[in-house]
Amino acid sequence: MSAEDKNQAVNRKLANEVHQQLSKRPIPPVEKKSKSGIQKLTLVMTFLMVLILVGSLVYAAVSGLGWM
């Protein structure tokens, strides 16, 4: 028996053991929670700050080139 055959046999045994352990105790389903008001506000403020940053960079570039 070569080392590769031995590794495949061990891998099969480990895979079977993992499947047996998982079938004994299934993972409970995760309920998706709704976002709170503060999380929504934070997300909106983040997008607003990114928009302001991009706008200011474009304005600085245009001003630097003398187009305005």
C-alpha atoms as a PDB file:
ATOM      1  CA  MET A   1       0.000   0.000   0.000  1.00  0.00           C
ATOM      2  CA  SER A   2       1.516   3.287  -1.094  1.00  0.00           C
ATOM      3  CA  ALA A   3       1.421   6.501   0.910  1.00  0.00           C
ATOM      4  CA  GLU A   4      -1.190   7.992  -1.429  1.00  0.00           C
ATOM      5  CA  ASP A   5      -3.535   5.005  -0.982  1.00  0.00           C
ATOM      6  CA  LYS A   6      -3.075   5.251   2.768  1.00  0.00           C
ATOM      7  CA  ASN A   7      -3.925   8.973   2.737  1.00  0.00           C
ATOM      8  CA  GLN A   8      -7.060   8.353   0.661  1.00  0.00           C
ATOM      9  CA  ALA A   9      -8.209   5.672   3.109  1.00  0.00           C
ATOM     10  CA  VAL A  10      -7.639   8.025   6.045  1.00  0.00           C
ATOM     11  CA  ASN A  11      -9.452  10.831   4.228  1.00  0.00           C
ATOM     12  CA  ARG A  12     -12.435   8.534   3.579  1.00  0.00           C
ATOM     13  CA  LYS A  13     -12.527   7.483   7.238  1.00  0.00           C
ATOM     14  CA  LEU A  14     -12.382  11.102   8.388  1.00  0.00           C
ATOM     15  CA  ALA A  15     -15.096  12.130   5.935  1.00  0.00           C
ATOM     16  CA  ASN A  16     -17.360   9.329   7.166  1.00  0.00           C
ATOM     17  CA  GLU A  17     -16.740  10.304  10.787  1.00  0.00           C
ATOM     18  CA  VAL A  18     -17.527  13.948  10.055  1.00  0.00           C
ATOM     19  CA  HIS A  19     -20.767  13.004   8.296  1.00  0.00           C
ATOM     20  CA  GLN A  20     -21.769  10.769  11.207  1.00  0.00           C
ATOM     21  CA  GLN A  21     -21.123  13.528  13.755  1.00  0.00           C
ATOM     22  CA  LEU A  22     -23.069  16.071  11.694  1.00  0.00           C
ATOM     23  CA  SER A  23     -26.019  13.736  11.239  1.00  0.00           C
ATOM     24  CA  LYS A  24     -26.200  13.185  15.010  1.00  0.00           C
ATOM     25  CA  ARG A  25     -26.616  16.898  15.776  1.00  0.00           C
ATOM     26  CA  PRO A  26     -27.810  18.943  12.816  1.00  0.00           C
ATOM     27  CA  ILE A  27     -26.983  22.628  12.678  1.00  0.00           C
ATOM     28  CA  PRO A  28     -30.029  24.714  13.634  1.00  0.00           C
ATOM     29  CA  PRO A  29     -31.301  27.146  11.005  1.00  0.00           C
ATOM     30  CA  VAL A  30     -30.292  30.756  11.526  1.00  0.00           C
ATOM     31  CA  GLU A  31     -33.070  33.310  11.591  1.00  0.00           C
ATOM     32  CA  LYS A  32     -32.245  36.534   9.786  1.00  0.00           C
ATOM     33  CA  LYS A  33     -32.730  39.525  12.054  1.00  0.00           C
ATOM     34  CA  SER A  34     -33.952  42.827  10.708  1.00  0.00           C
ATOM     35  CA  LYS A  35     -31.607  45.792  10.916  1.00  0.00           C
ATOM     36  CA  SER A  36     -32.209  48.254  13.703  1.00  0.00           C
ATOM     37  CA  GLY A  37     -32.814  51.930  13.044  1.00  0.00           C
ATOM     38  CA  ILE A  38     -29.312  52.923  14.103  1.00  0.00           C
ATOM     39  CA  GLN A  39     -27.788  50.392  11.688  1.00  0.00           C
ATOM     40  CA  LYS A  40     -29.856  51.779   8.806  1.00  0.00           C
ATOM     41  CA  LEU A  41     -28.885  55.327   9.749  1.00  0.00           C
ATOM     42  CA  THR A  42     -25.201  54.356   9.896  1.00  0.00           C
ATOM     43  CA  LEU A  43     -25.415  52.759   6.451  1.00  0.00           C
ATOM     44  CA  VAL A  44     -27.068  55.843   4.946  1.00  0.00           C
ATOM     45  CA  MET A  45     -24.514  58.155   6.566  1.00  0.00           C
ATOM     46  CA  THR A  46     -21.668  55.975   5.246  1.00  0.00           C
ATOM     47  CA  PHE A  47     -22.939  56.239   1.676  1.00  0.00           C
ATOM     48  CA  LEU A  48     -23.435  59.982   2.115  1.00  0.00           C
ATOM     49  CA  MET A  49     -19.859  60.428   3.343  1.00  0.00           C
ATOM     50  CA  VAL A  50     -18.487  58.400   0.414  1.00  0.00           C
ATOM     51  CA  LEU A  51     -20.513  60.513  -2.018  1.00  0.00           C
ATOM     52  CA  ILE A  52     -19.217  63.739  -0.443  1.00  0.00           C
ATOM     53  CA  LEU A  53     -15.635  62.427  -0.554  1.00  0.00           C
ATOM     54  CA  VAL A  54     -15.856  61.508  -4.234  1.00  0.00           C
ATOM     55  CA  GLY A  55     -17.489  64.825  -5.053  1.00  0.00           C
ATOM     56  CA  SER A  56     -14.805  66.790  -3.254  1.00  0.00           C
ATOM     57  CA  LEU A  57     -12.056  64.852  -5.038  1.00  0.00           C
ATOM     58  CA  VAL A  58     -13.633  65.563  -8.432  1.00  0.00           C
ATOM     59  CA  TYR A  59     -14.067  69.228  -7.510  1.00  0.00           C
ATOM     60  CA  ALA A  60     -10.421  69.476  -6.395  1.00  0.00           C
ATOM     61  CA  ALA A  61      -9.216  67.819  -9.598  1.00  0.00           C
ATOM     62  CA  VAL A  62     -11.309  70.104 -11.797  1.00  0.00           C
ATOM     63  CA  SER A  63     -10.206  73.178  -9.844  1.00  0.00           C
ATOM     64  CA  GLY A  64      -6.579  72.086 -10.026  1.00  0.00           C
ATOM     65  CA  LEU A  65      -6.766  71.815 -13.801  1.00  0.00           C
ATOM     66  CA  GLY A  66      -8.270  75.277 -14.006  1.00  0.00           C
ATOM     67  CA  TRP A  67     -11.479  74.203 -15.735  1.00  0.00           C
ATOM     68  CA  MET A  68     -13.637  76.057 -13.213  1.00  0.00           C
END
